[in-house]
PDB file of all heavy atoms in Angstrom:
ATOM      1  N   LYS A   1      65.583  85.378  46.489  1.00  0.00           N
ATOM      2  CA  LYS A   1      65.186  86.158  45.312  1.00  0.00           C
ATOM      3  C   LYS A   1      65.257  87.667  45.503  1.00  0.00           C
ATOM      4  O   LYS A   1      64.803  88.428  44.662  1.00  0.00           O
ATOM      5  CB  LYS A   1      63.794  85.754  44.825  1.00  0.00           C
ATOM      6  CG  LYS A   1      63.710  84.311  44.393  1.00  0.00           C
ATOM      7  CD  LYS A   1      62.335  83.985  43.880  1.00  0.00           C
ATOM      8  CE  LYS A   1      62.266  82.496  43.501  1.00  0.00           C
ATOM      9  NZ  LYS A   1      60.949  82.125  42.993  1.00  0.00           N
ATOM     10  N   TRP A   2      65.811  88.147  46.615  1.00  0.00           N
ATOM     11  CA  TRP A   2      65.990  89.575  46.844  1.00  0.00           C
ATOM     12  C   TRP A   2      67.480  89.884  46.835  1.00  0.00           C
ATOM     13  O   TRP A   2      68.298  89.070  47.257  1.00  0.00           O
ATOM     14  CB  TRP A   2      65.397  89.988  48.199  1.00  0.00           C
ATOM     15  CG  TRP A   2      63.907  89.923  48.223  1.00  0.00           C
ATOM     16  CD1 TRP A   2      63.142  88.859  48.611  1.00  0.00           C
ATOM     17  CD2 TRP A   2      63.003  90.941  47.821  1.00  0.00           C
ATOM     18  NE1 TRP A   2      61.815  89.161  48.490  1.00  0.00           N
ATOM     19  CE2 TRP A   2      61.700  90.435  47.999  1.00  0.00           C
ATOM     20  CE3 TRP A   2      63.155  92.228  47.338  1.00  0.00           C
ATOM     21  CZ2 TRP A   2      60.564  91.184  47.713  1.00  0.00           C
ATOM     22  CZ3 TRP A   2      62.026  92.961  47.054  1.00  0.00           C
ATOM     23  CH2 TRP A   2      60.742  92.435  47.245  1.00  0.00           C
ATOM     24  N   TRP A   3      67.850  91.080  46.394  1.00  0.00           N
ATOM     25  CA  TRP A   3      69.239  91.509  46.358  1.00  0.00           C
ATOM     26  C   TRP A   3      69.505  92.504  47.476  1.00  0.00           C
ATOM     27  O   TRP A   3      68.703  93.400  47.727  1.00  0.00           O
ATOM     28  CB  TRP A   3      69.563  92.151  45.004  1.00  0.00           C
ATOM     29  CG  TRP A   3      69.573  91.159  43.900  1.00  0.00           C
ATOM     30  CD1 TRP A   3      68.546  90.851  43.069  1.00  0.00           C
ATOM     31  CD2 TRP A   3      70.664  90.322  43.517  1.00  0.00           C
ATOM     32  NE1 TRP A   3      68.926  89.874  42.178  1.00  0.00           N
ATOM     33  CE2 TRP A   3      70.229  89.527  42.429  1.00  0.00           C
ATOM     34  CE3 TRP A   3      71.960  90.156  43.979  1.00  0.00           C
ATOM     35  CZ2 TRP A   3      71.050  88.599  41.811  1.00  0.00           C
ATOM     36  CZ3 TRP A   3      72.783  89.234  43.353  1.00  0.00           C
ATOM     37  CH2 TRP A   3      72.320  88.470  42.289  1.00  0.00           C
ATOM     38  N   TYR A   4      70.645  92.333  48.146  1.00  0.00           N
ATOM     39  CA  TYR A   4      71.024  93.205  49.252  1.00  0.00           C
ATOM     40  C   TYR A   4      72.474  93.645  49.072  1.00  0.00           C
ATOM     41  O   TYR A   4      73.321  92.868  48.655  1.00  0.00           O
ATOM     42  CB  TYR A   4      70.908  92.469  50.597  1.00  0.00           C
ATOM     43  CG  TYR A   4      69.524  91.993  50.911  1.00  0.00           C
ATOM     44  CD1 TYR A   4      69.124  90.698  50.564  1.00  0.00           C
ATOM     45  CD2 TYR A   4      68.611  92.819  51.548  1.00  0.00           C
ATOM     46  CE1 TYR A   4      67.841  90.260  50.852  1.00  0.00           C
ATOM     47  CE2 TYR A   4      67.339  92.381  51.838  1.00  0.00           C
ATOM     48  CZ  TYR A   4      66.954  91.095  51.484  1.00  0.00           C
ATOM     49  OH  TYR A   4      65.690  90.659  51.767  1.00  0.00           O
ATOM     50  N   ARG A   5      72.743  94.901  49.458  1.00  0.00           N
ATOM     51  CA  ARG A   5      74.131  95.363  49.469  1.00  0.00           C
ATOM     52  C   ARG A   5      74.836  94.751  50.672  1.00  0.00           C
ATOM     53  O   ARG A   5      74.276  94.691  51.765  1.00  0.00           O
ATOM     54  CB  ARG A   5      74.203  96.883  49.590  1.00  0.00           C
ATOM     55  CG  ARG A   5      73.707  97.600  48.392  1.00  0.00           C
ATOM     56  CD  ARG A   5      74.054  99.068  48.420  1.00  0.00           C
ATOM     57  NE  ARG A   5      73.537  99.765  49.592  1.00  0.00           N
ATOM     58  CZ  ARG A   5      73.816 101.026  49.884  1.00  0.00           C
ATOM     59  NH1 ARG A   5      74.616 101.721  49.111  1.00  0.00           N
ATOM     60  NH2 ARG A   5      73.293 101.603  50.942  1.00  0.00           N
ATOM     61  N   VAL A   6      76.086  94.324  50.455  1.00  0.00           N
ATOM     62  CA  VAL A   6      76.871  93.751  51.544  1.00  0.00           C
ATOM     63  C   VAL A   6      78.329  94.186  51.420  1.00  0.00           C
ATOM     64  O   VAL A   6      78.794  94.554  50.347  1.00  0.00           O
ATOM     65  CB  VAL A   6      76.807  92.199  51.580  1.00  0.00           C
ATOM     66  CG1 VAL A   6      75.409  91.707  51.894  1.00  0.00           C
ATOM     67  CG2 VAL A   6      77.328  91.586  50.301  1.00  0.00           C
ATOM     68  N   VAL A   7      79.034  94.111  52.539  1.00  0.00           N
ATOM     69  CA  VAL A   7      80.479  94.263  52.574  1.00  0.00           C
ATOM     70  C   VAL A   7      81.021  92.930  53.070  1.00  0.00           C
ATOM     71  O   VAL A   7      80.540  92.404  54.081  1.00  0.00           O
ATOM     72  CB  VAL A   7      80.912  95.387  53.547  1.00  0.00           C
ATOM     73  CG1 VAL A   7      82.433  95.494  53.589  1.00  0.00           C
ATOM     74  CG2 VAL A   7      80.293  96.711  53.160  1.00  0.00           C
ATOM     75  N   ILE A   8      81.985  92.361  52.353  1.00  0.00           N
ATOM     76  CA  ILE A   8      82.576  91.104  52.818  1.00  0.00           C
ATOM     77  C   ILE A   8      83.351  91.398  54.093  1.00  0.00           C
ATOM     78  O   ILE A   8      84.289  92.197  54.094  1.00  0.00           O
ATOM     79  CB  ILE A   8      83.476  90.474  51.739  1.00  0.00           C
ATOM     80  CG1 ILE A   8      82.634  90.146  50.496  1.00  0.00           C
ATOM     81  CG2 ILE A   8      84.171  89.227  52.288  1.00  0.00           C
ATOM     82  CD1 ILE A   8      83.446  89.670  49.298  1.00  0.00           C
ATOM     83  N   HIS A   9      82.953  90.770  55.176  1.00  0.00           N
ATOM     84  CA  HIS A   9      83.575  90.996  56.486  1.00  0.00           C
ATOM     85  C   HIS A   9      84.768  90.067  56.684  1.00  0.00           C
ATOM     86  O   HIS A   9      85.821  90.492  57.133  1.00  0.00           O
ATOM     87  CB  HIS A   9      82.528  90.785  57.582  1.00  0.00           C
ATOM     88  CG  HIS A   9      82.988  91.159  58.951  1.00  0.00           C
ATOM     89  ND1 HIS A   9      83.343  92.446  59.289  1.00  0.00           N
ATOM     90  CD2 HIS A   9      83.160  90.415  60.070  1.00  0.00           C
ATOM     91  CE1 HIS A   9      83.709  92.475  60.555  1.00  0.00           C
ATOM     92  NE2 HIS A   9      83.600  91.267  61.049  1.00  0.00           N
ATOM     93  N   ARG A  10      84.584  88.787  56.348  1.00  0.00           N
ATOM     94  CA  ARG A  10      85.702  87.831  56.403  1.00  0.00           C
ATOM     95  C   ARG A  10      85.370  86.613  55.570  1.00  0.00           C
ATOM     96  O   ARG A  10      84.203  86.281  55.363  1.00  0.00           O
ATOM     97  CB  ARG A  10      86.037  87.436  57.836  1.00  0.00           C
ATOM     98  CG  ARG A  10      84.961  86.674  58.557  1.00  0.00           C
ATOM     99  CD  ARG A  10      85.342  86.429  60.016  1.00  0.00           C
ATOM    100  NE  ARG A  10      84.209  85.870  60.697  1.00  0.00           N
ATOM    101  CZ  ARG A  10      84.228  84.714  61.350  1.00  0.00           C
ATOM    102  NH1 ARG A  10      85.327  84.022  61.444  1.00  0.00           N
ATOM    103  NH2 ARG A  10      83.148  84.271  61.937  1.00  0.00           N
ATOM    104  N   VAL A  11      86.426  85.966  55.104  1.00  0.00           N
ATOM    105  CA  VAL A  11      86.275  84.741  54.329  1.00  0.00           C
ATOM    106  C   VAL A  11      86.308  83.578  55.316  1.00  0.00           C
ATOM    107  O   VAL A  11      87.250  83.436  56.093  1.00  0.00           O
ATOM    108  CB  VAL A  11      87.400  84.604  53.278  1.00  0.00           C
ATOM    109  CG1 VAL A  11      87.283  83.290  52.529  1.00  0.00           C
ATOM    110  CG2 VAL A  11      87.370  85.785  52.314  1.00  0.00           C
ATOM    111  N   ILE A  12      85.262  82.751  55.295  1.00  0.00           N
ATOM    112  CA  ILE A  12      85.151  81.634  56.238  1.00  0.00           C
ATOM    113  C   ILE A  12      85.921  80.425  55.711  1.00  0.00           C
ATOM    114  O   ILE A  12      86.739  79.836  56.407  1.00  0.00           O
ATOM    115  CB  ILE A  12      83.668  81.233  56.463  1.00  0.00           C
ATOM    116  CG1 ILE A  12      82.837  82.431  56.933  1.00  0.00           C
ATOM    117  CG2 ILE A  12      83.557  80.055  57.416  1.00  0.00           C
ATOM    118  CD1 ILE A  12      83.156  82.915  58.319  1.00  0.00           C
ATOM    119  N   ASN A  13      85.633  80.044  54.478  1.00  0.00           N
ATOM    120  CA  ASN A  13      86.297  78.891  53.842  1.00  0.00           C
ATOM    121  C   ASN A  13      86.146  79.027  52.331  1.00  0.00           C
ATOM    122  O   ASN A  13      85.795  80.092  51.835  1.00  0.00           O
ATOM    123  CB  ASN A  13      85.713  77.557  54.368  1.00  0.00           C
ATOM    124  CG  ASN A  13      84.200  77.482  54.199  1.00  0.00           C
ATOM    125  OD1 ASN A  13      83.642  77.886  53.173  1.00  0.00           O
ATOM    126  ND2 ASN A  13      83.526  76.960  55.219  1.00  0.00           N
ATOM    127  N   ASP A  14      86.388  77.942  51.596  1.00  0.00           N
ATOM    128  CA  ASP A  14      86.312  77.986  50.127  1.00  0.00           C
ATOM    129  C   ASP A  14      84.903  78.257  49.612  1.00  0.00           C
ATOM    130  O   ASP A  14      84.735  78.718  48.486  1.00  0.00           O
ATOM    131  CB  ASP A  14      86.788  76.656  49.530  1.00  0.00           C
ATOM    132  CG  ASP A  14      88.279  76.453  49.718  1.00  0.00           C
ATOM    133  OD1 ASP A  14      88.971  77.452  50.009  1.00  0.00           O
ATOM    134  OD2 ASP A  14      88.748  75.313  49.581  1.00  0.00           O
ATOM    135  N   GLN A  15      83.897  77.987  50.410  1.00  0.00           N
ATOM    136  CA  GLN A  15      82.509  78.117  49.963  1.00  0.00           C
ATOM    137  C   GLN A  15      81.743  79.281  50.575  1.00  0.00           C
ATOM    138  O   GLN A  15      80.751  79.728  50.020  1.00  0.00           O
ATOM    139  CB  GLN A  15      81.743  76.820  50.289  1.00  0.00           C
ATOM    140  CG  GLN A  15      82.340  75.555  49.695  1.00  0.00           C
ATOM    141  CD  GLN A  15      82.275  75.566  48.175  1.00  0.00           C
ATOM    142  OE1 GLN A  15      81.270  75.972  47.604  1.00  0.00           O
ATOM    143  NE2 GLN A  15      83.357  75.153  47.519  1.00  0.00           N
ATOM    144  N   GLU A  16      82.191  79.775  51.747  1.00  0.00           N
ATOM    145  CA  GLU A  16      81.390  80.740  52.490  1.00  0.00           C
ATOM    146  C   GLU A  16      82.177  81.981  52.911  1.00  0.00           C
ATOM    147  O   GLU A  16      83.383  81.917  53.126  1.00  0.00           O
ATOM    148  CB  GLU A  16      80.816  80.085  53.753  1.00  0.00           C
ATOM    149  CG  GLU A  16      79.876  78.930  53.479  1.00  0.00           C
ATOM    150  CD  GLU A  16      79.426  78.246  54.755  1.00  0.00           C
ATOM    151  OE1 GLU A  16      80.258  78.043  55.656  1.00  0.00           O
ATOM    152  OE2 GLU A  16      78.227  77.938  54.846  1.00  0.00           O
ATOM    153  N   VAL A  17      81.428  83.077  53.038  1.00  0.00           N
ATOM    154  CA  VAL A  17      81.978  84.320  53.563  1.00  0.00           C
ATOM    155  C   VAL A  17      80.992  84.896  54.580  1.00  0.00           C
ATOM    156  O   VAL A  17      79.797  84.607  54.530  1.00  0.00           O
ATOM    157  CB  VAL A  17      82.231  85.367  52.455  1.00  0.00           C
ATOM    158  CG1 VAL A  17      83.344  84.944  51.539  1.00  0.00           C
ATOM    159  CG2 VAL A  17      80.972  85.671  51.676  1.00  0.00           C
ATOM    160  N   GLU A  18      81.525  85.672  55.487  1.00  0.00           N
ATOM    161  CA  GLU A  18      80.658  86.413  56.401  1.00  0.00           C
ATOM    162  C   GLU A  18      80.531  87.817  55.831  1.00  0.00           C
ATOM    163  O   GLU A  18      81.538  88.451  55.482  1.00  0.00           O
ATOM    164  CB  GLU A  18      81.252  86.460  57.802  1.00  0.00           C
ATOM    165  CG  GLU A  18      80.336  87.117  58.819  1.00  0.00           C
ATOM    166  CD  GLU A  18      80.900  87.055  60.229  1.00  0.00           C
ATOM    167  OE1 GLU A  18      82.112  87.226  60.400  1.00  0.00           O
ATOM    168  OE2 GLU A  18      80.104  86.841  61.152  1.00  0.00           O
ATOM    169  N   VAL A  19      79.308  88.292  55.695  1.00  0.00           N
ATOM    170  CA  VAL A  19      79.060  89.613  55.118  1.00  0.00           C
ATOM    171  C   VAL A  19      78.341  90.510  56.118  1.00  0.00           C
ATOM    172  O   VAL A  19      77.619  90.040  56.988  1.00  0.00           O
ATOM    173  CB  VAL A  19      78.236  89.520  53.804  1.00  0.00           C
ATOM    174  CG1 VAL A  19      79.007  88.785  52.724  1.00  0.00           C
ATOM    175  CG2 VAL A  19      76.876  88.881  54.032  1.00  0.00           C
ATOM    176  N   PHE A  20      78.580  91.810  55.958  1.00  0.00           N
ATOM    177  CA  PHE A  20      77.904  92.829  56.749  1.00  0.00           C
ATOM    178  C   PHE A  20      76.920  93.546  55.836  1.00  0.00           C
ATOM    179  O   PHE A  20      77.260  93.921  54.722  1.00  0.00           O
ATOM    180  CB  PHE A  20      78.918  93.821  57.313  1.00  0.00           C
ATOM    181  CG  PHE A  20      78.284  95.036  57.934  1.00  0.00           C
ATOM    182  CD1 PHE A  20      77.575  94.930  59.116  1.00  0.00           C
ATOM    183  CD2 PHE A  20      78.394  96.278  57.341  1.00  0.00           C
ATOM    184  CE1 PHE A  20      76.973  96.040  59.689  1.00  0.00           C
ATOM    185  CE2 PHE A  20      77.804  97.390  57.906  1.00  0.00           C
ATOM    186  CZ  PHE A  20      77.094  97.275  59.089  1.00  0.00           C
ATOM    187  N   TYR A  21      75.687  93.699  56.292  1.00  0.00           N
ATOM    188  CA  TYR A  21      74.644  94.390  55.542  1.00  0.00           C
ATOM    189  C   TYR A  21      74.632  95.868  55.966  1.00  0.00           C
ATOM    190  O   TYR A  21      74.116  96.188  57.041  1.00  0.00           O
ATOM    191  CB  TYR A  21      73.279  93.770  55.828  1.00  0.00           C
ATOM    192  CG  TYR A  21      73.095  92.385  55.268  1.00  0.00           C
ATOM    193  CD1 TYR A  21      73.591  91.264  55.930  1.00  0.00           C
ATOM    194  CD2 TYR A  21      72.422  92.186  54.076  1.00  0.00           C
ATOM    195  CE1 TYR A  21      73.413  89.991  55.408  1.00  0.00           C
ATOM    196  CE2 TYR A  21      72.233  90.910  53.551  1.00  0.00           C
ATOM    197  CZ  TYR A  21      72.737  89.817  54.226  1.00  0.00           C
ATOM    198  OH  TYR A  21      72.572  88.565  53.711  1.00  0.00           O
ATOM    199  N   PRO A  22      75.205  96.780  55.155  1.00  0.00           N
ATOM    200  CA  PRO A  22      75.297  98.185  55.572  1.00  0.00           C
ATOM    201  C   PRO A  22      73.949  98.888  55.670  1.00  0.00           C
ATOM    202  O   PRO A  22      73.859  99.948  56.277  1.00  0.00           O
ATOM    203  CB  PRO A  22      76.170  98.827  54.485  1.00  0.00           C
ATOM    204  CG  PRO A  22      75.989  97.958  53.289  1.00  0.00           C
ATOM    205  CD  PRO A  22      75.775  96.566  53.814  1.00  0.00           C
ATOM    206  N   ASP A  23      72.903  98.300  55.104  1.00  0.00           N
ATOM    207  CA  ASP A  23      71.585  98.926  55.185  1.00  0.00           C
ATOM    208  C   ASP A  23      70.743  98.371  56.329  1.00  0.00           C
ATOM    209  O   ASP A  23      69.659  98.885  56.599  1.00  0.00           O
ATOM    210  CB  ASP A  23      70.845  98.756  53.861  1.00  0.00           C
ATOM    211  CG  ASP A  23      71.595  99.410  52.725  1.00  0.00           C
ATOM    212  OD1 ASP A  23      72.086 100.540  52.911  1.00  0.00           O
ATOM    213  OD2 ASP A  23      71.723  98.796  51.652  1.00  0.00           O
ATOM    214  N   TYR A  24      71.247  97.324  56.984  1.00  0.00           N
ATOM    215  CA  TYR A  24      70.502  96.706  58.094  1.00  0.00           C
ATOM    216  C   TYR A  24      71.334  96.600  59.366  1.00  0.00           C
ATOM    217  O   TYR A  24      70.788  96.532  60.456  1.00  0.00           O
ATOM    218  CB  TYR A  24      69.995  95.316  57.696  1.00  0.00           C
ATOM    219  CG  TYR A  24      68.984  95.381  56.574  1.00  0.00           C
ATOM    220  CD1 TYR A  24      69.380  95.297  55.242  1.00  0.00           C
ATOM    221  CD2 TYR A  24      67.637  95.553  56.841  1.00  0.00           C
ATOM    222  CE1 TYR A  24      68.459  95.384  54.214  1.00  0.00           C
ATOM    223  CE2 TYR A  24      66.707  95.646  55.814  1.00  0.00           C
ATOM    224  CZ  TYR A  24      67.125  95.561  54.503  1.00  0.00           C
ATOM    225  OH  TYR A  24      66.216  95.657  53.492  1.00  0.00           O
ATOM    226  N   GLY A  25      72.656  96.521  59.222  1.00  0.00           N
ATOM    227  CA  GLY A  25      73.536  96.504  60.385  1.00  0.00           C
ATOM    228  C   GLY A  25      73.849  95.140  60.952  1.00  0.00           C
ATOM    229  O   GLY A  25      74.396  95.045  62.037  1.00  0.00           O
ATOM    230  N   ASN A  26      73.530  94.055  60.222  1.00  0.00           N
ATOM    231  CA  ASN A  26      73.784  92.723  60.769  1.00  0.00           C
ATOM    232  C   ASN A  26      74.831  91.969  59.952  1.00  0.00           C
ATOM    233  O   ASN A  26      75.162  92.337  58.829  1.00  0.00           O
ATOM    234  CB  ASN A  26      72.481  91.915  60.826  1.00  0.00           C
ATOM    235  CG  ASN A  26      71.874  91.725  59.451  1.00  0.00           C
ATOM    236  OD1 ASN A  26      71.571  92.684  58.763  1.00  0.00           O
ATOM    237  ND2 ASN A  26      71.697  90.474  59.059  1.00  0.00           N
ATOM    238  N   LEU A  27      75.366  90.924  60.568  1.00  0.00           N
ATOM    239  CA  LEU A  27      76.310  90.021  59.923  1.00  0.00           C
ATOM    240  C   LEU A  27      75.597  88.724  59.585  1.00  0.00           C
ATOM    241  O   LEU A  27      74.697  88.301  60.313  1.00  0.00           O
ATOM    242  CB  LEU A  27      77.474  89.691  60.864  1.00  0.00           C
ATOM    243  CG  LEU A  27      78.473  90.797  61.163  1.00  0.00           C
ATOM    244  CD1 LEU A  27      79.388  90.372  62.301  1.00  0.00           C
ATOM    245  CD2 LEU A  27      79.295  91.129  59.937  1.00  0.00           C
ATOM    246  N   GLU A  28      76.040  88.069  58.500  1.00  0.00           N
ATOM    247  CA  GLU A  28      75.457  86.783  58.127  1.00  0.00           C
ATOM    248  C   GLU A  28      76.473  86.014  57.291  1.00  0.00           C
ATOM    249  O   GLU A  28      77.264  86.601  56.558  1.00  0.00           O
ATOM    250  CB  GLU A  28      74.186  87.009  57.323  1.00  0.00           C
ATOM    251  CG  GLU A  28      73.429  85.731  56.992  1.00  0.00           C
ATOM    252  CD  GLU A  28      72.110  86.040  56.289  1.00  0.00           C
ATOM    253  OE1 GLU A  28      72.142  86.653  55.212  1.00  0.00           O
ATOM    254  OE2 GLU A  28      71.070  85.642  56.826  1.00  0.00           O
ATOM    255  N   ILE A  29      76.444  84.710  57.395  1.00  0.00           N
ATOM    256  CA  ILE A  29      77.302  83.866  56.559  1.00  0.00           C
ATOM    257  C   ILE A  29      76.509  83.454  55.332  1.00  0.00           C
ATOM    258  O   ILE A  29      75.377  82.985  55.446  1.00  0.00           O
ATOM    259  CB  ILE A  29      77.788  82.628  57.348  1.00  0.00           C
ATOM    260  CG1 ILE A  29      78.683  83.084  58.504  1.00  0.00           C
ATOM    261  CG2 ILE A  29      78.527  81.661  56.426  1.00  0.00           C
ATOM    262  CD1 ILE A  29      79.121  81.986  59.441  1.00  0.00           C
ATOM    263  N   VAL A  30      77.112  83.692  54.149  1.00  0.00           N
ATOM    264  CA  VAL A  30      76.461  83.361  52.883  1.00  0.00           C
ATOM    265  C   VAL A  30      77.444  82.594  52.000  1.00  0.00           C
ATOM    266  O   VAL A  30      78.652  82.604  52.222  1.00  0.00           O
ATOM    267  CB  VAL A  30      75.965  84.624  52.134  1.00  0.00           C
ATOM    268  CG1 VAL A  30      74.949  85.384  52.967  1.00  0.00           C
ATOM    269  CG2 VAL A  30      77.111  85.521  51.728  1.00  0.00           C
ATOM    270  N   ARG A  31      76.919  81.962  50.970  1.00  0.00           N
ATOM    271  CA  ARG A  31      77.744  81.239  50.010  1.00  0.00           C
ATOM    272  C   ARG A  31      78.420  82.236  49.068  1.00  0.00           C
ATOM    273  O   ARG A  31      77.817  83.207  48.647  1.00  0.00           O
ATOM    274  CB  ARG A  31      76.902  80.242  49.223  1.00  0.00           C
ATOM    275  CG  ARG A  31      76.216  79.208  50.144  1.00  0.00           C
ATOM    276  CD  ARG A  31      75.591  78.081  49.382  1.00  0.00           C
ATOM    277  NE  ARG A  31      76.514  77.280  48.600  1.00  0.00           N
ATOM    278  CZ  ARG A  31      77.364  76.368  49.092  1.00  0.00           C
ATOM    279  NH1 ARG A  31      77.398  76.165  50.388  1.00  0.00           N
ATOM    280  NH2 ARG A  31      78.142  75.681  48.294  1.00  0.00           N
ATOM    281  N   LYS A  32      79.669  81.955  48.727  1.00  0.00           N
ATOM    282  CA  LYS A  32      80.391  82.811  47.792  1.00  0.00           C
ATOM    283  C   LYS A  32      79.673  82.893  46.445  1.00  0.00           C
ATOM    284  O   LYS A  32      79.684  83.932  45.796  1.00  0.00           O
ATOM    285  CB  LYS A  32      81.811  82.288  47.570  1.00  0.00           C
ATOM    286  CG  LYS A  32      82.764  82.529  48.704  1.00  0.00           C
ATOM    287  CD  LYS A  32      84.146  82.014  48.317  1.00  0.00           C
ATOM    288  CE  LYS A  32      85.150  82.215  49.421  1.00  0.00           C
ATOM    289  NZ  LYS A  32      86.479  81.712  49.039  1.00  0.00           N
ATOM    290  N   SER A  33      79.047  81.813  46.063  1.00  0.00           N
ATOM    291  CA  SER A  33      78.372  81.775  44.756  1.00  0.00           C
ATOM    292  C   SER A  33      77.176  82.732  44.689  1.00  0.00           C
ATOM    293  O   SER A  33      76.687  83.029  43.598  1.00  0.00           O
ATOM    294  CB  SER A  33      77.920  80.344  44.432  1.00  0.00           C
ATOM    295  OG  SER A  33      76.995  79.890  45.395  1.00  0.00           O
ATOM    296  N   TRP A  34      76.713  83.228  45.819  1.00  0.00           N
ATOM    297  CA  TRP A  34      75.596  84.162  45.845  1.00  0.00           C
ATOM    298  C   TRP A  34      76.031  85.613  45.626  1.00  0.00           C
ATOM    299  O   TRP A  34      75.199  86.490  45.431  1.00  0.00           O
ATOM    300  CB  TRP A  34      74.853  84.088  47.171  1.00  0.00           C
ATOM    301  CG  TRP A  34      74.233  82.754  47.470  1.00  0.00           C
ATOM    302  CD1 TRP A  34      74.159  81.657  46.666  1.00  0.00           C
ATOM    303  CD2 TRP A  34      73.606  82.389  48.695  1.00  0.00           C
ATOM    304  NE1 TRP A  34      73.523  80.630  47.310  1.00  0.00           N
ATOM    305  CE2 TRP A  34      73.170  81.047  48.566  1.00  0.00           C
ATOM    306  CE3 TRP A  34      73.369  83.040  49.900  1.00  0.00           C
ATOM    307  CZ2 TRP A  34      72.511  80.370  49.575  1.00  0.00           C
ATOM    308  CZ3 TRP A  34      72.725  82.370  50.912  1.00  0.00           C
ATOM    309  CH2 TRP A  34      72.289  81.045  50.750  1.00  0.00           C
ATOM    310  N   LEU A  35      77.337  85.877  45.688  1.00  0.00           N
ATOM    311  CA  LEU A  35      77.866  87.236  45.583  1.00  0.00           C
ATOM    312  C   LEU A  35      77.915  87.713  44.142  1.00  0.00           C
ATOM    313  O   LEU A  35      78.210  86.941  43.228  1.00  0.00           O
ATOM    314  CB  LEU A  35      79.276  87.305  46.178  1.00  0.00           C
ATOM    315  CG  LEU A  35      79.420  86.968  47.656  1.00  0.00           C
ATOM    316  CD1 LEU A  35      80.895  86.920  48.030  1.00  0.00           C
ATOM    317  CD2 LEU A  35      78.678  87.968  48.516  1.00  0.00           C
ATOM    318  N   ARG A  36      77.663  89.002  43.940  1.00  0.00           N
ATOM    319  CA  ARG A  36      77.749  89.630  42.624  1.00  0.00           C
ATOM    320  C   ARG A  36      78.334  91.034  42.799  1.00  0.00           C
ATOM    321  O   ARG A  36      78.204  91.648  43.856  1.00  0.00           O
ATOM    322  CB  ARG A  36      76.366  89.764  41.966  1.00  0.00           C
ATOM    323  CG  ARG A  36      75.657  88.458  41.705  1.00  0.00           C
ATOM    324  CD  ARG A  36      76.319  87.660  40.587  1.00  0.00           C
ATOM    325  NE  ARG A  36      75.574  86.466  40.256  1.00  0.00           N
ATOM    326  CZ  ARG A  36      75.704  85.287  40.851  1.00  0.00           C
ATOM    327  NH1 ARG A  36      76.563  85.146  41.839  1.00  0.00           N
ATOM    328  NH2 ARG A  36      74.986  84.257  40.457  1.00  0.00           N
ATOM    329  N   PHE A  37      78.963  91.537  41.721  1.00  0.00           N
ATOM    330  CA  PHE A  37      79.409  92.925  41.739  1.00  0.00           C
ATOM    331  C   PHE A  37      78.193  93.826  41.802  1.00  0.00           C
ATOM    332  O   PHE A  37      77.127  93.494  41.307  1.00  0.00           O
ATOM    333  CB  PHE A  37      80.238  93.247  40.494  1.00  0.00           C
ATOM    334  CG  PHE A  37      81.627  92.667  40.542  1.00  0.00           C
ATOM    335  CD1 PHE A  37      82.016  91.697  39.627  1.00  0.00           C
ATOM    336  CD2 PHE A  37      82.549  93.103  41.488  1.00  0.00           C
ATOM    337  CE1 PHE A  37      83.285  91.168  39.662  1.00  0.00           C
ATOM    338  CE2 PHE A  37      83.823  92.573  41.522  1.00  0.00           C
ATOM    339  CZ  PHE A  37      84.194  91.601  40.615  1.00  0.00           C
ATOM    340  N   LEU A  38      78.372  94.979  42.384  1.00  0.00           N
ATOM    341  CA  LEU A  38      77.290  95.935  42.560  1.00  0.00           C
ATOM    342  C   LEU A  38      77.446  97.058  41.543  1.00  0.00           C
ATOM    343  O   LEU A  38      78.552  97.544  41.306  1.00  0.00           O
ATOM    344  CB  LEU A  38      77.357  96.499  43.982  1.00  0.00           C
ATOM    345  CG  LEU A  38      76.202  97.317  44.513  1.00  0.00           C
ATOM    346  CD1 LEU A  38      74.907  96.515  44.506  1.00  0.00           C
ATOM    347  CD2 LEU A  38      76.493  97.783  45.927  1.00  0.00           C
ATOM    348  N   LYS A  39      76.359  97.472  40.930  1.00  0.00           N
ATOM    349  CA  LYS A  39      76.394  98.585  39.980  1.00  0.00           C
ATOM    350  C   LYS A  39      76.843  99.856  40.694  1.00  0.00           C
ATOM    351  O   LYS A  39      76.518 100.075  41.862  1.00  0.00           O
ATOM    352  CB  LYS A  39      75.011  98.815  39.362  1.00  0.00           C
ATOM    353  CG  LYS A  39      74.592  97.760  38.383  1.00  0.00           C
ATOM    354  CD  LYS A  39      73.251  98.138  37.769  1.00  0.00           C
ATOM    355  CE  LYS A  39      72.848  97.125  36.715  1.00  0.00           C
ATOM    356  NZ  LYS A  39      71.585  97.508  36.068  1.00  0.00           N
TER     357      LYS A  39
END
């Protein structure tokens, strides 16, 4: 339920991507369906 800025680091498969959190400095794998455009 929280929104975070991310940079897509790499596409893992059809469902997942690895993202970099520019405000925290870590990488994490998330579902593509969780991604949204940023204002």
